[in-house]
Amino acid sequence: MSHTLSIVIPAYNEGATIHRILNKVKAVSLLHDIKKEIIIVNDCSRDNTEEAILNYKSSNPDLPITYYKHEVNKGKGAALHTGIQKATGDYVIIQDADLEYDPNEYNILLQPILDDFADVVYGSRFMGGNPHRILFFWHSIGNGMLTLLSNILTNLNLTDMETCYKLFRREIIQSIPLKENRFGFEPEITAKISRVPKVRIYEVGISYYGRTYEEGKKIGWKDGFRAIWCIMKYNLWAK
């Protein structure tokens, strides 16, 4: 019986590069002939993101792309909520619209689930021997501190809580009520996943091709403070 991977792509002002990430997604051959379901959610971009997506969709009719658009900008988390709830595949993975993460590594994340070891798999930028672009020292320190604080409160031993690449069995991720509309999605989902009874969480090493702010990176120091707030909110105060 053929299975399907739902690939949820939130997009905001990614008109210049979204065709490149879609080319990479298209080129991937998934294990066991798993099919792809691509769900793109345009979070009210101000550039030509919509035009780029629709042009790509019409030029690639063999690629199963479903397109949704927010009429007002709500944030990355809100775009993910929309995409996750629209997913119909057996598994769901988050894919940023930029080029920081490599879709060729989907199979690395799928393997523990296909082997029936895992229900959720995180792709860690800080483990394994895969290539990583050298960029911001304080970002790496901040990521480490956020992951440490999250681990203390969830009793998990993740190395990269803030990673984009998170893969879930669909029934698990769709059963979790999500509230964070912006960059608080990562600590919120980690806190709530950690409390799912008997959930099996794995972590695998992945590559990371980070981009600079000039190249379009959006997350900033304010998002770091919001992440701390969300770690406390969805761990301590939620209980």
C-alpha atoms as a PDB file:
ATOM      1  CA  MET A   1       0.000   0.000   0.000  1.00  0.00           C
ATOM      2  CA  SER A   2       1.504   3.313  -1.096  1.00  0.00           C
ATOM      3  CA  HIS A   3       2.003   6.024   1.503  1.00  0.00           C
ATOM      4  CA  THR A   4       2.175   9.799   1.076  1.00  0.00           C
ATOM      5  CA  LEU A   5       4.407  12.486   2.585  1.00  0.00           C
ATOM      6  CA  SER A   6       2.721  15.875   3.003  1.00  0.00           C
ATOM      7  CA  ILE A   7       5.298  18.644   2.578  1.00  0.00           C
ATOM      8  CA  VAL A   8       4.068  21.874   4.190  1.00  0.00           C
ATOM      9  CA  ILE A   9       5.783  25.006   2.867  1.00  0.00           C
ATOM     10  CA  PRO A  10       4.985  28.379   4.485  1.00  0.00           C
ATOM     11  CA  ALA A  11       5.983  31.221   2.153  1.00  0.00           C
ATOM     12  CA  TYR A  12       6.417  34.940   2.766  1.00  0.00           C
ATOM     13  CA  ASN A  13       8.210  37.127   0.209  1.00  0.00           C
ATOM     14  CA  GLU A  14       9.999  34.154  -1.360  1.00  0.00           C
ATOM     15  CA  GLY A  15       9.159  34.904  -4.985  1.00  0.00           C
ATOM     16  CA  ALA A  16      12.802  35.006  -6.057  1.00  0.00           C
ATOM     17  CA  THR A  17      13.738  31.568  -4.724  1.00  0.00           C
ATOM     18  CA  ILE A  18      10.640  29.420  -4.222  1.00  0.00           C
ATOM     19  CA  HIS A  19      11.006  27.809  -7.642  1.00  0.00           C
ATOM     20  CA  ARG A  20      14.443  26.566  -6.590  1.00  0.00           C
ATOM     21  CA  ILE A  21      13.191  24.801  -3.472  1.00  0.00           C
ATOM     22  CA  LEU A  22      10.288  23.314  -5.452  1.00  0.00           C
ATOM     23  CA  ASN A  23      12.754  21.979  -8.010  1.00  0.00           C
ATOM     24  CA  LYS A  24      14.614  20.247  -5.182  1.00  0.00           C
ATOM     25  CA  VAL A  25      11.414  18.804  -3.734  1.00  0.00           C
ATOM     26  CA  LYS A  26      10.384  17.554  -7.169  1.00  0.00           C
ATOM     27  CA  ALA A  27      13.738  15.860  -7.760  1.00  0.00           C
ATOM     28  CA  VAL A  28      13.673  13.821  -4.543  1.00  0.00           C
ATOM     29  CA  SER A  29      12.910  10.111  -4.859  1.00  0.00           C
ATOM     30  CA  LEU A  30      11.346   8.984  -1.605  1.00  0.00           C
ATOM     31  CA  LEU A  31      11.896   5.580  -0.024  1.00  0.00           C
ATOM     32  CA  HIS A  32       9.439   2.785  -0.864  1.00  0.00           C
ATOM     33  CA  ASP A  33       7.860   4.888  -3.619  1.00  0.00           C
ATOM     34  CA  ILE A  34       6.228   7.192  -1.093  1.00  0.00           C
ATOM     35  CA  LYS A  35       4.197   9.832  -2.896  1.00  0.00           C
ATOM     36  CA  LYS A  36       4.438  13.591  -2.310  1.00  0.00           C
ATOM     37  CA  GLU A  37       1.695  16.039  -1.423  1.00  0.00           C
ATOM     38  CA  ILE A  38       3.008  19.621  -1.538  1.00  0.00           C
ATOM     39  CA  ILE A  39       1.018  22.203   0.401  1.00  0.00           C
ATOM     40  CA  ILE A  40       2.129  25.826  -0.021  1.00  0.00           C
ATOM     41  CA  VAL A  41       0.652  28.533   2.208  1.00  0.00           C
ATOM     42  CA  ASN A  42       1.370  32.101   1.083  1.00  0.00           C
ATOM     43  CA  ASP A  43       1.179  34.312   4.166  1.00  0.00           C
ATOM     44  CA  CYS A  44       0.065  37.470   2.307  1.00  0.00           C
ATOM     45  CA  SER A  45       3.441  38.115   0.656  1.00  0.00           C
ATOM     46  CA  ARG A  46       4.133  41.612  -0.659  1.00  0.00           C
ATOM     47  CA  ASP A  47       6.309  40.474  -3.571  1.00  0.00           C
ATOM     48  CA  ASN A  48       5.583  38.151  -6.506  1.00  0.00           C
ATOM     49  CA  THR A  49       5.424  34.963  -4.413  1.00  0.00           C
ATOM     50  CA  GLU A  50       1.894  34.139  -5.545  1.00  0.00           C
ATOM     51  CA  GLU A  51       2.736  34.648  -9.206  1.00  0.00           C
ATOM     52  CA  ALA A  52       5.868  32.515  -8.876  1.00  0.00           C
ATOM     53  CA  ILE A  53       3.946  29.667  -7.209  1.00  0.00           C
ATOM     54  CA  LEU A  54       1.077  29.681  -9.689  1.00  0.00           C
ATOM     55  CA  ASN A  55       3.469  29.825 -12.647  1.00  0.00           C
ATOM     56  CA  TYR A  56       5.435  26.902 -11.237  1.00  0.00           C
ATOM     57  CA  LYS A  57       2.263  24.934 -10.572  1.00  0.00           C
ATOM     58  CA  SER A  58       1.004  25.403 -14.140  1.00  0.00           C
ATOM     59  CA  SER A  59       4.416  24.518 -15.587  1.00  0.00           C
ATOM     60  CA  ASN A  60       4.684  21.336 -13.507  1.00  0.00           C
ATOM     61  CA  PRO A  61       1.271  19.637 -13.709  1.00  0.00           C
ATOM     62  CA  ASP A  62       2.834  16.322 -12.690  1.00  0.00           C
ATOM     63  CA  LEU A  63       3.753  17.714  -9.256  1.00  0.00           C
ATOM     64  CA  PRO A  64       0.816  17.596  -6.786  1.00  0.00           C
ATOM     65  CA  ILE A  65       0.848  21.165  -5.434  1.00  0.00           C
ATOM     66  CA  THR A  66      -2.037  22.591  -3.421  1.00  0.00           C
ATOM     67  CA  TYR A  67      -1.927  26.354  -2.911  1.00  0.00           C
ATOM     68  CA  TYR A  68      -3.485  28.413  -0.109  1.00  0.00           C
ATOM     69  CA  LYS A  69      -3.238  32.131   0.595  1.00  0.00           C
ATOM     70  CA  HIS A  70      -3.799  34.197   3.725  1.00  0.00           C
ATOM     71  CA  GLU A  71      -5.522  37.478   2.916  1.00  0.00           C
ATOM     72  CA  VAL A  72      -3.695  39.166   5.801  1.00  0.00           C
ATOM     73  CA  ASN A  73      -0.220  38.440   7.129  1.00  0.00           C
ATOM     74  CA  LYS A  74      -0.549  36.181  10.168  1.00  0.00           C
ATOM     75  CA  GLY A  75       2.960  34.779  10.623  1.00  0.00           C
ATOM     76  CA  LYS A  76       4.880  31.594   9.880  1.00  0.00           C
ATOM     77  CA  GLY A  77       3.158  29.646  12.640  1.00  0.00           C
ATOM     78  CA  ALA A  78      -0.277  30.518  11.264  1.00  0.00           C
ATOM     79  CA  ALA A  79       0.793  29.409   7.787  1.00  0.00           C
ATOM     80  CA  LEU A  80       1.943  26.113   9.285  1.00  0.00           C
ATOM     81  CA  HIS A  81      -1.387  25.667  11.086  1.00  0.00           C
ATOM     82  CA  THR A  82      -3.203  26.045   7.774  1.00  0.00           C
ATOM     83  CA  GLY A  83      -0.888  23.657   5.934  1.00  0.00           C
ATOM     84  CA  ILE A  84      -0.893  21.007   8.649  1.00  0.00           C
ATOM     85  CA  GLN A  85      -4.673  20.915   8.878  1.00  0.00           C
ATOM     86  CA  LYS A  86      -4.967  20.607   5.087  1.00  0.00           C
ATOM     87  CA  ALA A  87      -2.517  17.679   4.931  1.00  0.00           C
ATOM     88  CA  THR A  88      -3.894  14.292   3.898  1.00  0.00           C
ATOM     89  CA  GLY A  89      -0.672  12.238   3.754  1.00  0.00           C
ATOM     90  CA  ASP A  90       0.471   9.571   6.177  1.00  0.00           C
ATOM     91  CA  TYR A  91       3.391  11.744   7.291  1.00  0.00           C
ATOM     92  CA  VAL A  92       3.889  15.510   7.504  1.00  0.00           C
ATOM     93  CA  ILE A  93       7.167  17.408   7.208  1.00  0.00           C
ATOM     94  CA  ILE A  94       7.851  21.146   7.509  1.00  0.00           C
ATOM     95  CA  GLN A  95       9.864  22.710   4.669  1.00  0.00           C
ATOM     96  CA  ASP A  96      10.913  26.366   4.642  1.00  0.00           C
ATOM     97  CA  ALA A  97      10.577  28.110   1.275  1.00  0.00           C
ATOM     98  CA  ASP A  98      14.199  29.264   1.335  1.00  0.00           C
ATOM     99  CA  LEU A  99      17.266  27.147   0.570  1.00  0.00           C
ATOM    100  CA  GLU A 100      18.594  26.565   4.091  1.00  0.00           C
ATOM    101  CA  TYR A 101      17.409  22.942   4.310  1.00  0.00           C
ATOM    102  CA  ASP A 102      17.927  20.214   1.712  1.00  0.00           C
ATOM    103  CA  PRO A 103      14.899  18.113   0.623  1.00  0.00           C
ATOM    104  CA  ASN A 104      17.322  15.374  -0.438  1.00  0.00           C
ATOM    105  CA  GLU A 105      17.436  14.524   3.275  1.00  0.00           C
ATOM    106  CA  TYR A 106      13.723  13.694   3.620  1.00  0.00           C
ATOM    107  CA  ASN A 107      14.613  10.003   3.496  1.00  0.00           C
ATOM    108  CA  ILE A 108      16.962  10.419   6.470  1.00  0.00           C
ATOM    109  CA  LEU A 109      14.035  11.702   8.518  1.00  0.00           C
ATOM    110  CA  LEU A 110      11.588   9.151   7.149  1.00  0.00           C
ATOM    111  CA  GLN A 111      13.735   6.108   7.933  1.00  0.00           C
ATOM    112  CA  PRO A 112      13.104   5.874  11.719  1.00  0.00           C
ATOM    113  CA  ILE A 113       9.348   6.140  11.111  1.00  0.00           C
ATOM    114  CA  LEU A 114       9.364   3.604   8.280  1.00  0.00           C
ATOM    115  CA  ASP A 115      11.325   1.231  10.528  1.00  0.00           C
ATOM    116  CA  ASP A 116       8.590   1.752  13.148  1.00  0.00           C
ATOM    117  CA  PHE A 117      10.968   3.148  15.723  1.00  0.00           C
ATOM    118  CA  ALA A 118       9.589   6.698  15.741  1.00  0.00           C
ATOM    119  CA  ASP A 119       6.409   8.762  15.591  1.00  0.00           C
ATOM    120  CA  VAL A 120       8.203  12.112  15.355  1.00  0.00           C
ATOM    121  CA  VAL A 121      11.646  12.857  13.910  1.00  0.00           C
ATOM    122  CA  TYR A 122      13.625  16.096  14.326  1.00  0.00           C
ATOM    123  CA  GLY A 123      16.441  16.967  11.936  1.00  0.00           C
ATOM    124  CA  SER A 124      19.358  18.367  13.940  1.00  0.00           C
ATOM    125  CA  ARG A 125      21.770  20.909  12.479  1.00  0.00           C
ATOM    126  CA  PHE A 126      24.179  20.205  15.343  1.00  0.00           C
ATOM    127  CA  MET A 127      24.821  16.489  15.067  1.00  0.00           C
ATOM    128  CA  GLY A 128      26.316  14.254  12.414  1.00  0.00           C
ATOM    129  CA  GLY A 129      28.903  14.954   9.733  1.00  0.00           C
ATOM    130  CA  ASN A 130      26.753  16.822   7.205  1.00  0.00           C
ATOM    131  CA  PRO A 131      27.804  20.246   5.828  1.00  0.00           C
ATOM    132  CA  HIS A 132      26.863  23.394   7.724  1.00  0.00           C
ATOM    133  CA  ARG A 133      27.382  26.951   6.564  1.00  0.00           C
ATOM    134  CA  ILE A 134      29.406  29.026   9.049  1.00  0.00           C
ATOM    135  CA  LEU A 135      27.487  32.185   9.925  1.00  0.00           C
ATOM    136  CA  PHE A 136      26.370  33.727  13.214  1.00  0.00           C
ATOM    137  CA  PHE A 137      28.064  32.814  16.513  1.00  0.00           C
ATOM    138  CA  TRP A 138      25.379  34.386  18.701  1.00  0.00           C
ATOM    139  CA  HIS A 139      22.618  32.630  16.792  1.00  0.00           C
ATOM    140  CA  SER A 140      24.208  29.272  17.580  1.00  0.00           C
ATOM    141  CA  ILE A 141      24.567  30.251  21.243  1.00  0.00           C
ATOM    142  CA  GLY A 142      20.941  31.391  21.304  1.00  0.00           C
ATOM    143  CA  ASN A 143      19.736  28.169  19.676  1.00  0.00           C
ATOM    144  CA  GLY A 144      21.695  26.140  22.216  1.00  0.00           C
ATOM    145  CA  MET A 145      20.247  28.055  25.152  1.00  0.00           C
ATOM    146  CA  LEU A 146      16.678  27.747  23.860  1.00  0.00           C
ATOM    147  CA  THR A 147      17.111  24.023  23.285  1.00  0.00           C
ATOM    148  CA  LEU A 148      18.617  23.587  26.761  1.00  0.00           C
ATOM    149  CA  LEU A 149      15.756  25.453  28.450  1.00  0.00           C
ATOM    150  CA  SER A 150      13.216  23.466  26.434  1.00  0.00           C
ATOM    151  CA  ASN A 151      14.933  20.191  27.338  1.00  0.00           C
ATOM    152  CA  ILE A 152      14.936  21.036  31.043  1.00  0.00           C
ATOM    153  CA  LEU A 153      11.175  21.550  31.008  1.00  0.00           C
ATOM    154  CA  THR A 154      10.194  18.776  28.565  1.00  0.00           C
ATOM    155  CA  ASN A 155      12.712  16.205  29.873  1.00  0.00           C
ATOM    156  CA  LEU A 156      13.855  15.560  26.292  1.00  0.00           C
ATOM    157  CA  ASN A 157      17.490  15.483  25.165  1.00  0.00           C
ATOM    158  CA  LEU A 158      17.187  17.212  21.782  1.00  0.00           C
ATOM    159  CA  THR A 159      20.187  18.987  20.279  1.00  0.00           C
ATOM    160  CA  ASP A 160      18.147  21.310  18.017  1.00  0.00           C
ATOM    161  CA  MET A 161      14.658  22.252  19.167  1.00  0.00           C
ATOM    162  CA  GLU A 162      14.509  25.216  16.751  1.00  0.00           C
ATOM    163  CA  THR A 163      15.119  23.176  13.603  1.00  0.00           C
ATOM    164  CA  CYS A 164      12.754  23.577  10.671  1.00  0.00           C
ATOM    165  CA  TYR A 165      12.857  19.893   9.743  1.00  0.00           C
ATOM    166  CA  LYS A 166      10.297  18.139  11.898  1.00  0.00           C
ATOM    167  CA  LEU A 167       8.484  15.071  10.564  1.00  0.00           C
ATOM    168  CA  PHE A 168       5.329  13.676  12.175  1.00  0.00           C
ATOM    169  CA  ARG A 169       2.825  10.933  11.717  1.00  0.00           C
ATOM    170  CA  ARG A 170      -0.118  12.961  10.467  1.00  0.00           C
ATOM    171  CA  GLU A 171      -2.627  11.789  13.058  1.00  0.00           C
ATOM    172  CA  ILE A 172      -0.314  12.978  15.841  1.00  0.00           C
ATOM    173  CA  ILE A 173       0.381  16.488  14.548  1.00  0.00           C
ATOM    174  CA  GLN A 174      -3.248  17.055  13.542  1.00  0.00           C
ATOM    175  CA  SER A 175      -4.456  16.035  16.999  1.00  0.00           C
ATOM    176  CA  ILE A 176      -2.503  18.831  18.681  1.00  0.00           C
ATOM    177  CA  PRO A 177      -4.195  22.247  19.017  1.00  0.00           C
ATOM    178  CA  LEU A 178      -1.677  24.881  17.883  1.00  0.00           C
ATOM    179  CA  LYS A 179      -1.847  28.542  18.902  1.00  0.00           C
ATOM    180  CA  GLU A 180       1.418  30.310  18.065  1.00  0.00           C
ATOM    181  CA  ASN A 181       1.108  32.356  14.866  1.00  0.00           C
ATOM    182  CA  ARG A 182       4.724  33.389  14.461  1.00  0.00           C
ATOM    183  CA  PHE A 183       8.122  31.938  15.391  1.00  0.00           C
ATOM    184  CA  GLY A 184       6.809  30.461  18.646  1.00  0.00           C
ATOM    185  CA  PHE A 185       5.717  27.364  16.727  1.00  0.00           C
ATOM    186  CA  GLU A 186       8.929  25.431  17.459  1.00  0.00           C
ATOM    187  CA  PRO A 187       8.863  25.579  21.296  1.00  0.00           C
ATOM    188  CA  GLU A 188       5.083  25.158  21.350  1.00  0.00           C
ATOM    189  CA  ILE A 189       5.022  22.009  19.234  1.00  0.00           C
ATOM    190  CA  THR A 190       8.004  20.560  21.108  1.00  0.00           C
ATOM    191  CA  ALA A 191       6.326  21.101  24.478  1.00  0.00           C
ATOM    192  CA  LYS A 192       3.047  19.603  23.320  1.00  0.00           C
ATOM    193  CA  ILE A 193       4.628  16.665  21.494  1.00  0.00           C
ATOM    194  CA  SER A 194       6.611  15.794  24.619  1.00  0.00           C
ATOM    195  CA  ARG A 195       3.328  15.251  26.493  1.00  0.00           C
ATOM    196  CA  VAL A 196       1.743  12.901  23.932  1.00  0.00           C
ATOM    197  CA  PRO A 197       1.410   9.536  25.722  1.00  0.00           C
ATOM    198  CA  LYS A 198       3.992   6.969  24.604  1.00  0.00           C
ATOM    199  CA  VAL A 199       5.211   9.162  21.723  1.00  0.00           C
ATOM    200  CA  ARG A 200       8.539   8.063  20.236  1.00  0.00           C
ATOM    201  CA  ILE A 201      10.755  11.007  19.283  1.00  0.00           C
ATOM    202  CA  TYR A 202      13.959  10.562  17.296  1.00  0.00           C
ATOM    203  CA  GLU A 203      16.619  12.969  16.058  1.00  0.00           C
ATOM    204  CA  VAL A 204      18.844  12.642  12.979  1.00  0.00           C
ATOM    205  CA  GLY A 205      21.701  14.778  11.681  1.00  0.00           C
ATOM    206  CA  ILE A 206      20.983  17.019   8.689  1.00  0.00           C
ATOM    207  CA  SER A 207      22.783  19.631   6.602  1.00  0.00           C
ATOM    208  CA  TYR A 208      22.254  23.381   7.001  1.00  0.00           C
ATOM    209  CA  TYR A 209      22.816  25.980   4.290  1.00  0.00           C
ATOM    210  CA  GLY A 210      21.994  29.088   6.310  1.00  0.00           C
ATOM    211  CA  ARG A 211      21.457  32.447   4.680  1.00  0.00           C
ATOM    212  CA  THR A 212      22.318  35.980   5.780  1.00  0.00           C
ATOM    213  CA  TYR A 213      19.842  38.780   6.401  1.00  0.00           C
ATOM    214  CA  GLU A 214      20.827  40.259   3.050  1.00  0.00           C
ATOM    215  CA  GLU A 215      19.843  36.924   1.484  1.00  0.00           C
ATOM    216  CA  GLY A 216      16.438  36.998   3.156  1.00  0.00           C
ATOM    217  CA  LYS A 217      16.804  35.570   6.683  1.00  0.00           C
ATOM    218  CA  LYS A 218      13.872  36.827   8.773  1.00  0.00           C
ATOM    219  CA  ILE A 219      14.252  35.618  12.361  1.00  0.00           C
ATOM    220  CA  GLY A 220      15.729  38.145  14.835  1.00  0.00           C
ATOM    221  CA  TRP A 221      16.502  38.718  18.501  1.00  0.00           C
ATOM    222  CA  LYS A 222      12.880  39.582  19.337  1.00  0.00           C
ATOM    223  CA  ASP A 223      11.899  36.109  18.161  1.00  0.00           C
ATOM    224  CA  GLY A 224      14.394  34.662  20.617  1.00  0.00           C
ATOM    225  CA  PHE A 225      12.649  36.386  23.523  1.00  0.00           C
ATOM    226  CA  ARG A 226       9.299  35.184  22.220  1.00  0.00           C
ATOM    227  CA  ALA A 227      10.698  31.645  22.104  1.00  0.00           C
ATOM    228  CA  ILE A 228      11.692  31.878  25.788  1.00  0.00           C
ATOM    229  CA  TRP A 229       8.187  33.076  26.635  1.00  0.00           C
ATOM    230  CA  CYS A 230       6.667  30.180  24.680  1.00  0.00           C
ATOM    231  CA  ILE A 231       8.928  27.611  26.338  1.00  0.00           C
ATOM    232  CA  MET A 232       7.693  28.803  29.732  1.00  0.00           C
ATOM    233  CA  LYS A 233       4.075  29.194  28.621  1.00  0.00           C
ATOM    234  CA  TYR A 234       3.637  25.771  27.020  1.00  0.00           C
ATOM    235  CA  ASN A 235       5.630  23.858  29.633  1.00  0.00           C
ATOM    236  CA  LEU A 236       5.286  25.408  33.089  1.00  0.00           C
ATOM    237  CA  TRP A 237       2.078  27.391  32.817  1.00  0.00           C
ATOM    238  CA  ALA A 238       0.239  24.943  30.564  1.00  0.00           C
ATOM    239  CA  LYS A 239       0.456  22.348  33.322  1.00  0.00           C
END
